[in-house]
Amino acid sequence: MAATVTLEPAGRCRWDEPVRIAVRGLAPGQPVTLSASLRDEKGALFRAHARYCADAHGQLDLERAPALGGSFTGLEPMGLLWALEPEKPLLRLVKRDVQTPFAVELEVIDGHDPEAGGLLGRAVHERDFLAPGVRREPVRMGRVRATLFLPAGTGPFPGILDLFGSGGGLCEYRASLLAGHGFAVLALAYFRFEDLPEYLNNMCLEYFEEAVDFMLQHPKVKGPSVGLLGFSKGGDLCLSMASFLKGITATVVINACVANTIAPLHYKDMIIPNLSSDPGKYKITESGLLNLVDIWNDPMEKPNHRSLIPLEKAQGPFLFIVGMDDHNWKSEFYAQIASERLQAHGKDRPQIIYYPGTGHCIDPPYFPLCRASVHAVLDQPVFYGGEPKAHSRAQS
């Protein structure tokens, strides 16, 4: 019996769009296994599967049918995407080239493990990162190394600077998806990219000021200010930008520290030292992964006060997104420090959104959870925390 796999939208859609998966042509109540797989640009394989039973009409709709087991259970219409796991351990699924889609292969297999039989149906769904009309423009202006994503239309558009963490390089997938929602987004690199420094040694806020000025002077960016979005180390850089630079209207940080971390930060005649740490306080999990959450010293202790970022100087509001199972930073603790500091200076407290069961890396919707991977700078496997279902809820 041949089964037909139908997808809505058919053919291709954006990575952050939900897709409706259905199967027709099955026998009433027939047990089947659905599997999803994709290969990243380096050929690494990621897979997920779930067991289902067709309804009385021989149909299967993942928006109505609960998974009976496999990579996930229950009613999870997008489970086959957010539950993808690497065939080789410690690999993280990221999109390196947003100009090409990910091709997700879906298969329907007769029966359930260990009695699974032959292939009944198959479909390939392309999931891309550039909405129709979105323009991708590499930026090499002065010292700035970045990529600007502009939505379709004449604009001007609200502008965002998007910064990632201590892995370095230039990450474009979040910026490209945001551009599809009407924002002009500058994905900004600040080390380990082209002629930028290879390591985080000394950071100069003037570099980020130059990037803000580039956005504010761009004819497609709606002034007189821009927003900031930062993750991990990129988060504390965004907090510093909001505190010292002009033209910042709002700041969103994901699992970030309220102190300057990793490297001293210079701006004009000022230096904010980095928060000290004790690498000897790391722990090793049962799986042999580095748990770094306890190595950072308390920024509220007097010897570490100079590393605190003066958030009270900022003009715009803050949003802190906190993964409650973050094993890199004490993100909840840092968000509370920010709230108390702002209120102590007569400022509005930040909005804080807490996500239980979510680890360090909260990427766009339907990116699979990365509990652990080899850190690009440390070159060692680091434990990030989190559980797949909670992670997918937080992403959405």
Protein backbone atom coordinates (compact mmCIF):
# COMPACT_ATOMS: atom_id res chain seq x y z
CA MET A 1 0.00 0.00 0.00
CA ALA A 2 1.36 3.41 -1.00
CA ALA A 3 0.85 6.27 1.43
CA THR A 4 0.84 9.96 0.50
CA VAL A 5 2.61 12.49 2.68
CA THR A 6 1.12 15.98 2.46
CA LEU A 7 2.67 19.15 3.82
CA GLU A 8 1.13 22.57 4.36
CA PRO A 9 2.70 24.82 3.22
CA ALA A 10 3.79 22.50 0.44
CA GLY A 11 7.28 22.43 -0.99
CA ARG A 12 9.07 25.18 0.92
CA CYS A 13 8.53 27.54 3.83
CA ARG A 14 10.55 29.49 6.40
CA TRP A 15 12.31 27.64 9.19
CA ASP A 16 10.30 29.49 11.85
CA GLU A 17 6.96 28.66 10.21
CA PRO A 18 4.96 25.68 11.46
CA VAL A 19 4.25 23.01 8.87
CA ARG A 20 1.26 20.68 8.94
CA ILE A 21 2.23 17.06 8.30
CA ALA A 22 -0.40 14.51 7.29
CA VAL A 23 -0.43 11.02 5.78
CA ARG A 24 -3.22 9.52 3.68
CA GLY A 25 -3.76 6.14 2.12
CA LEU A 26 -3.17 4.02 5.21
CA ALA A 27 -5.38 1.20 6.48
CA PRO A 28 -7.77 2.07 9.35
CA GLY A 29 -5.81 2.00 12.61
CA GLN A 30 -2.58 1.04 10.84
CA PRO A 31 0.54 1.44 13.01
CA VAL A 32 3.27 3.47 11.31
CA THR A 33 6.51 5.19 12.21
CA LEU A 34 7.28 8.67 10.89
CA SER A 35 10.90 9.71 10.63
CA ALA A 36 12.58 13.00 9.78
CA SER A 37 16.18 13.57 8.78
CA LEU A 38 18.37 16.32 7.42
CA ARG A 39 22.03 16.90 6.73
CA ASP A 40 23.75 20.16 7.54
CA GLU A 41 26.20 21.88 5.20
CA LYS A 42 29.04 19.71 6.48
CA GLY A 43 27.12 16.50 5.86
CA ALA A 44 26.31 15.74 9.51
CA LEU A 45 23.08 13.75 9.86
CA PHE A 46 20.27 14.66 12.29
CA ARG A 47 17.28 12.36 12.87
CA ALA A 48 14.02 12.05 14.78
CA HIS A 49 11.18 9.51 14.71
CA ALA A 50 7.82 8.87 16.33
CA ARG A 51 5.25 6.07 16.36
CA TYR A 52 1.62 6.70 15.37
CA CYS A 53 -1.60 4.91 14.46
CA ALA A 54 -3.85 5.97 11.58
CA ASP A 55 -7.45 6.93 12.35
CA ALA A 56 -10.56 5.00 11.29
CA HIS A 57 -10.33 6.52 7.81
CA GLY A 58 -6.71 5.51 7.25
CA GLN A 59 -5.46 9.06 7.76
CA LEU A 60 -2.88 10.55 10.06
CA ASP A 61 -2.75 14.25 10.92
CA LEU A 62 0.02 15.27 13.34
CA GLU A 63 -2.10 18.19 14.56
CA ARG A 64 -4.63 15.65 15.91
CA ALA A 65 -2.76 12.40 16.44
CA PRO A 66 -0.51 11.97 19.49
CA ALA A 67 2.86 10.30 19.14
CA LEU A 68 2.89 6.95 20.96
CA GLY A 69 6.65 6.89 21.50
CA GLY A 70 9.98 7.45 19.82
CA SER A 71 11.85 10.76 20.01
CA PHE A 72 8.83 12.32 21.77
CA THR A 73 5.31 11.47 22.91
CA GLY A 74 1.96 13.24 22.88
CA LEU A 75 0.46 15.80 20.55
CA GLU A 76 3.47 17.51 19.00
CA PRO A 77 2.78 18.71 15.43
CA MET A 78 6.37 20.00 15.03
CA GLY A 79 8.04 17.30 17.10
CA LEU A 80 9.81 15.73 14.14
CA LEU A 81 11.77 18.97 13.76
CA TRP A 82 12.49 20.10 17.30
CA ALA A 83 13.40 16.54 18.38
CA LEU A 84 16.11 16.06 15.74
CA GLU A 85 19.29 14.63 17.25
CA PRO A 86 22.76 14.34 15.77
CA GLU A 87 23.93 10.92 14.62
CA LYS A 88 27.37 11.87 15.95
CA PRO A 89 27.30 13.11 19.58
CA LEU A 90 28.15 16.69 20.54
CA LEU A 91 27.15 18.22 17.22
CA ARG A 92 24.85 21.22 17.18
CA LEU A 93 22.51 21.96 14.29
CA VAL A 94 23.16 25.50 13.05
CA LYS A 95 22.58 27.17 9.70
CA ARG A 96 25.84 28.42 8.30
CA ASP A 97 24.60 29.59 4.89
CA VAL A 98 21.17 31.19 5.12
CA GLN A 99 21.00 31.54 1.34
CA THR A 100 20.25 27.82 0.97
CA PRO A 101 17.42 25.87 2.63
CA PHE A 102 17.60 22.83 4.84
CA ALA A 103 16.02 19.84 3.08
CA VAL A 104 14.07 17.75 5.58
CA GLU A 105 13.30 14.20 4.43
CA LEU A 106 10.12 12.67 5.87
CA GLU A 107 9.41 8.96 5.64
CA VAL A 108 6.46 6.78 6.58
CA ILE A 109 7.43 3.25 7.64
CA ASP A 110 5.01 0.40 8.16
CA GLY A 111 4.65 -0.73 11.78
CA HIS A 112 6.45 0.07 15.01
CA ASP A 113 9.89 -0.93 16.22
CA PRO A 114 11.06 -3.66 16.50
CA GLU A 115 8.50 -4.94 13.99
CA ALA A 116 8.81 -2.04 11.55
CA GLY A 117 8.48 -2.99 7.91
CA GLY A 118 8.94 -1.32 4.56
CA LEU A 119 8.79 2.26 3.34
CA LEU A 120 5.21 3.40 2.61
CA GLY A 121 5.70 7.03 1.63
CA ARG A 122 8.21 9.82 1.44
CA ALA A 123 8.37 13.60 1.01
CA VAL A 124 11.06 16.26 1.07
CA HIS A 125 10.31 19.64 2.60
CA GLU A 126 12.65 22.60 2.12
CA ARG A 127 12.86 25.04 5.02
CA ASP A 128 14.63 28.28 4.23
CA PHE A 129 15.80 31.33 6.14
CA LEU A 130 15.10 34.17 3.71
CA ALA A 131 11.51 35.26 3.21
CA PRO A 132 10.59 36.41 -0.31
CA GLY A 133 12.12 39.80 -1.00
CA VAL A 134 14.50 39.79 2.00
CA ARG A 135 17.88 41.17 0.96
CA ARG A 136 21.19 39.99 2.38
CA GLU A 137 23.97 42.60 2.21
CA PRO A 138 27.50 41.89 3.51
CA VAL A 139 28.84 44.87 5.47
CA ARG A 140 32.55 45.78 5.45
CA MET A 141 32.35 49.40 6.53
CA GLY A 142 35.33 50.79 8.44
CA ARG A 143 36.04 48.21 11.14
CA VAL A 144 32.53 46.72 11.08
CA ARG A 145 32.21 43.12 9.90
CA ALA A 146 28.59 42.11 9.61
CA THR A 147 25.66 41.16 7.39
CA LEU A 148 22.59 43.37 7.01
CA PHE A 149 19.22 41.79 6.31
CA LEU A 150 16.51 44.07 4.92
CA PRO A 151 12.83 43.12 4.60
CA ALA A 152 10.93 43.33 1.35
CA GLY A 153 9.47 46.74 0.63
CA THR A 154 10.69 50.31 0.61
CA GLY A 155 10.99 50.86 4.36
CA PRO A 156 12.33 52.39 6.46
CA PHE A 157 12.26 49.52 8.96
CA PRO A 158 12.91 49.31 12.70
CA GLY A 159 16.56 48.32 13.19
CA ILE A 160 18.13 45.65 15.38
CA LEU A 161 21.74 44.68 16.07
CA ASP A 162 22.04 40.94 16.69
CA LEU A 163 25.01 39.55 18.67
CA PHE A 164 25.90 35.96 19.51
CA GLY A 165 28.22 34.60 22.18
CA SER A 166 31.71 33.38 22.92
CA GLY A 167 31.80 30.89 20.05
CA GLY A 168 32.65 33.83 17.79
CA GLY A 169 32.20 34.08 14.05
CA LEU A 170 29.24 35.53 12.17
CA CYS A 171 25.86 33.91 12.86
CA GLU A 172 23.13 34.98 10.44
CA TYR A 173 20.19 32.62 10.94
CA ARG A 174 18.40 34.60 13.66
CA ALA A 175 18.86 37.90 11.83
CA SER A 176 17.66 36.46 8.53
CA LEU A 177 14.48 35.12 10.12
CA LEU A 178 13.78 38.39 11.95
CA ALA A 179 14.06 40.27 8.66
CA GLY A 180 11.15 38.17 7.43
CA HIS A 181 9.08 39.76 10.20
CA GLY A 182 9.75 43.35 9.15
CA PHE A 183 13.00 44.26 10.93
CA ALA A 184 16.24 45.54 9.43
CA VAL A 185 18.76 43.36 11.28
CA LEU A 186 22.53 43.64 11.44
CA ALA A 187 24.14 40.30 12.32
CA LEU A 188 27.35 41.59 13.89
CA ALA A 189 30.59 39.65 14.27
CA TYR A 190 33.12 40.82 16.86
CA PHE A 191 35.83 38.13 16.88
CA ARG A 192 36.94 34.95 15.09
CA PHE A 193 35.81 36.29 11.71
CA GLU A 194 37.93 37.51 8.78
CA ASP A 195 40.34 40.20 10.04
CA LEU A 196 38.75 40.57 13.47
CA PRO A 197 40.72 39.34 16.51
CA GLU A 198 40.89 35.58 16.90
CA TYR A 199 40.31 35.69 20.65
CA LEU A 200 38.39 37.77 23.18
CA ASN A 201 41.26 39.63 24.80
CA ASN A 202 40.41 43.32 24.95
CA MET A 203 37.07 44.60 23.68
CA CYS A 204 36.53 48.19 22.51
CA LEU A 205 33.01 49.57 22.72
CA GLU A 206 33.89 51.98 19.89
CA TYR A 207 33.62 49.03 17.49
CA PHE A 208 30.00 48.47 18.50
CA GLU A 209 29.34 52.23 18.45
CA GLU A 210 30.50 52.22 14.84
CA ALA A 211 27.99 49.47 14.07
CA VAL A 212 25.17 51.43 15.75
CA ASP A 213 26.10 54.53 13.75
CA PHE A 214 26.10 52.49 10.54
CA MET A 215 22.54 51.39 11.23
CA LEU A 216 21.30 54.84 12.22
CA GLN A 217 22.74 56.36 9.05
CA HIS A 218 21.32 53.67 6.76
CA PRO A 219 18.44 54.99 4.61
CA LYS A 220 16.42 51.79 5.13
CA VAL A 221 16.63 51.92 8.94
CA LYS A 222 13.97 53.83 10.82
CA GLY A 223 15.54 56.19 13.35
CA PRO A 224 16.21 57.82 15.66
CA SER A 225 17.22 54.66 17.52
CA VAL A 226 17.77 50.91 17.17
CA GLY A 227 17.16 47.85 19.32
CA LEU A 228 19.67 45.29 20.56
CA LEU A 229 19.40 41.51 20.75
CA GLY A 230 22.18 39.56 22.41
CA PHE A 231 22.82 36.01 23.55
CA SER A 232 25.35 34.92 26.21
CA LYS A 233 28.52 37.07 25.87
CA GLY A 234 26.69 39.03 23.19
CA GLY A 235 24.08 39.76 25.85
CA ASP A 236 26.42 41.54 28.25
CA LEU A 237 27.88 43.45 25.30
CA CYS A 238 24.35 44.64 24.47
CA LEU A 239 23.86 45.72 28.09
CA SER A 240 27.09 47.74 27.87
CA MET A 241 26.01 49.28 24.56
CA ALA A 242 22.65 50.29 26.03
CA SER A 243 24.38 51.80 29.07
CA PHE A 244 26.99 53.89 27.27
CA LEU A 245 25.91 54.52 23.68
CA LYS A 246 23.30 56.86 22.28
CA GLY A 247 20.52 55.77 19.95
CA ILE A 248 19.47 52.57 21.73
CA THR A 249 15.71 52.21 22.18
CA ALA A 250 15.34 48.73 23.73
CA THR A 251 17.53 45.78 24.69
CA VAL A 252 16.70 42.07 24.74
CA VAL A 253 19.20 39.61 26.20
CA ILE A 254 19.04 35.82 26.28
CA ASN A 255 20.89 34.09 29.13
CA ALA A 256 23.31 36.93 29.76
CA CYS A 257 25.36 38.24 32.68
CA VAL A 258 24.91 41.73 34.19
CA ALA A 259 28.67 42.07 34.55
CA ASN A 260 31.23 42.38 31.79
CA THR A 261 32.63 38.90 31.15
CA ILE A 262 35.65 37.15 29.64
CA ALA A 263 37.65 40.24 28.56
CA PRO A 264 38.08 43.86 29.72
CA LEU A 265 35.84 46.36 27.94
CA HIS A 266 37.35 49.71 26.88
CA TYR A 267 35.42 52.85 25.97
CA LYS A 268 37.20 56.19 25.59
CA ASP A 269 39.12 56.65 28.88
CA MET A 270 37.07 54.04 30.78
CA ILE A 271 37.78 50.35 31.40
CA ILE A 272 35.28 47.85 32.79
CA PRO A 273 37.27 44.84 34.00
CA ASN A 274 35.92 41.40 33.28
CA LEU A 275 34.20 39.43 36.01
CA SER A 276 36.80 37.19 37.59
CA SER A 277 36.39 33.44 37.61
CA ASP A 278 37.86 30.36 39.20
CA PRO A 279 38.26 27.71 36.48
CA GLY A 280 39.02 25.15 39.17
CA LYS A 281 35.36 25.23 40.22
CA TYR A 282 34.15 23.53 37.06
CA LYS A 283 32.40 20.20 37.39
CA ILE A 284 32.39 17.14 35.19
CA THR A 285 29.00 15.54 34.50
CA GLU A 286 28.50 11.78 34.42
CA SER A 287 28.79 12.02 30.63
CA GLY A 288 32.20 13.70 30.87
CA LEU A 289 30.99 17.20 29.97
CA LEU A 290 32.21 20.48 31.46
CA ASN A 291 29.66 22.23 33.68
CA LEU A 292 30.90 25.81 33.96
CA VAL A 293 28.08 27.44 35.93
CA ASP A 294 30.01 27.65 39.23
CA ILE A 295 33.28 29.07 37.91
CA TRP A 296 32.03 32.69 37.77
CA ASN A 297 32.53 34.83 40.84
CA ASP A 298 29.62 36.75 42.34
CA PRO A 299 29.45 40.23 40.75
CA MET A 300 27.75 41.55 43.91
CA GLU A 301 30.80 40.84 46.07
CA LYS A 302 32.86 43.96 46.60
CA PRO A 303 36.03 42.84 44.73
CA ASN A 304 33.88 42.29 41.61
CA HIS A 305 31.77 45.48 41.69
CA ARG A 306 33.82 47.22 39.01
CA SER A 307 32.80 44.57 36.48
CA LEU A 308 29.09 45.40 36.89
CA ILE A 309 27.53 47.14 33.89
CA PRO A 310 25.80 50.44 34.88
CA LEU A 311 22.39 49.55 33.46
CA GLU A 312 20.82 52.54 35.17
CA LYS A 313 22.46 54.78 32.55
CA ALA A 314 20.42 53.23 29.74
CA GLN A 315 17.54 55.17 28.20
CA GLY A 316 15.38 52.28 26.98
CA PRO A 317 13.70 49.26 28.56
CA PHE A 318 15.19 45.79 29.03
CA LEU A 319 13.85 42.29 28.47
CA PHE A 320 15.73 39.38 30.04
CA ILE A 321 14.99 35.88 28.68
CA VAL A 322 16.12 33.29 31.22
CA GLY A 323 16.61 29.56 30.73
CA MET A 324 16.06 28.06 34.17
CA ASP A 325 18.31 25.07 33.40
CA ASP A 326 21.18 27.18 32.05
CA HIS A 327 24.47 25.54 33.02
CA ASN A 328 26.76 28.24 31.61
CA TRP A 329 25.55 31.32 33.51
CA LYS A 330 23.47 31.88 36.61
CA SER A 331 21.03 33.65 34.32
CA GLU A 332 18.17 33.87 36.82
CA PHE A 333 20.46 35.37 39.47
CA TYR A 334 21.84 37.93 37.01
CA ALA A 335 18.35 38.99 35.88
CA GLN A 336 17.36 39.57 39.50
CA ILE A 337 20.48 41.69 40.05
CA ALA A 338 19.48 43.80 37.04
CA SER A 339 15.97 44.25 38.39
CA GLU A 340 17.16 45.30 41.84
CA ARG A 341 19.81 47.65 40.46
CA LEU A 342 17.42 49.45 38.12
CA GLN A 343 14.79 49.87 40.83
CA ALA A 344 17.40 51.15 43.28
CA HIS A 345 18.16 53.94 40.81
CA GLY A 346 14.51 54.83 40.30
CA LYS A 347 14.24 53.10 36.93
CA ASP A 348 11.56 50.74 35.71
CA ARG A 349 12.45 47.16 36.46
CA PRO A 350 13.14 44.99 33.41
CA GLN A 351 10.70 42.49 32.05
CA ILE A 352 11.95 38.98 32.83
CA ILE A 353 10.59 35.84 31.18
CA TYR A 354 11.56 32.56 32.84
CA TYR A 355 11.53 29.28 30.92
CA PRO A 356 11.72 26.15 33.13
CA GLY A 357 13.60 23.21 31.69
CA THR A 358 15.42 25.36 29.14
CA GLY A 359 19.20 25.44 28.83
CA HIS A 360 21.72 28.01 27.65
CA CYS A 361 21.06 28.09 23.90
CA ILE A 362 17.54 29.28 23.07
CA ASP A 363 17.55 29.58 19.29
CA PRO A 364 14.73 30.38 16.86
CA PRO A 365 11.69 28.06 16.84
CA TYR A 366 12.18 24.41 15.91
CA PHE A 367 15.94 24.40 16.35
CA PRO A 368 16.67 21.13 18.17
CA LEU A 369 17.97 21.33 21.71
CA CYS A 370 21.73 21.27 22.08
CA ARG A 371 22.33 19.96 25.61
CA ALA A 372 26.06 19.83 24.98
CA SER A 373 28.57 20.48 22.23
CA VAL A 374 32.24 21.16 21.69
CA HIS A 375 32.77 24.84 22.43
CA ALA A 376 34.42 26.63 19.51
CA VAL A 377 36.93 28.46 21.72
CA LEU A 378 37.44 26.07 24.62
CA ASP A 379 37.67 23.12 22.23
CA GLN A 380 36.10 20.94 24.91
CA PRO A 381 32.60 19.48 25.32
CA VAL A 382 30.48 21.85 27.41
CA PHE A 383 27.17 21.05 29.10
CA TYR A 384 24.41 23.56 28.27
CA GLY A 385 21.40 21.97 30.01
CA GLY A 386 17.75 21.87 28.99
CA GLU A 387 15.07 19.38 27.98
CA PRO A 388 13.74 19.09 24.40
CA LYS A 389 10.02 19.71 24.98
CA ALA A 390 10.55 22.66 27.33
CA HIS A 391 13.15 24.04 24.92
CA SER A 392 10.71 23.92 21.99
CA ARG A 393 8.03 25.70 24.03
CA ALA A 394 10.45 28.49 24.96
CA GLN A 395 11.55 28.93 21.36
CA SER A 396 7.98 29.34 20.14
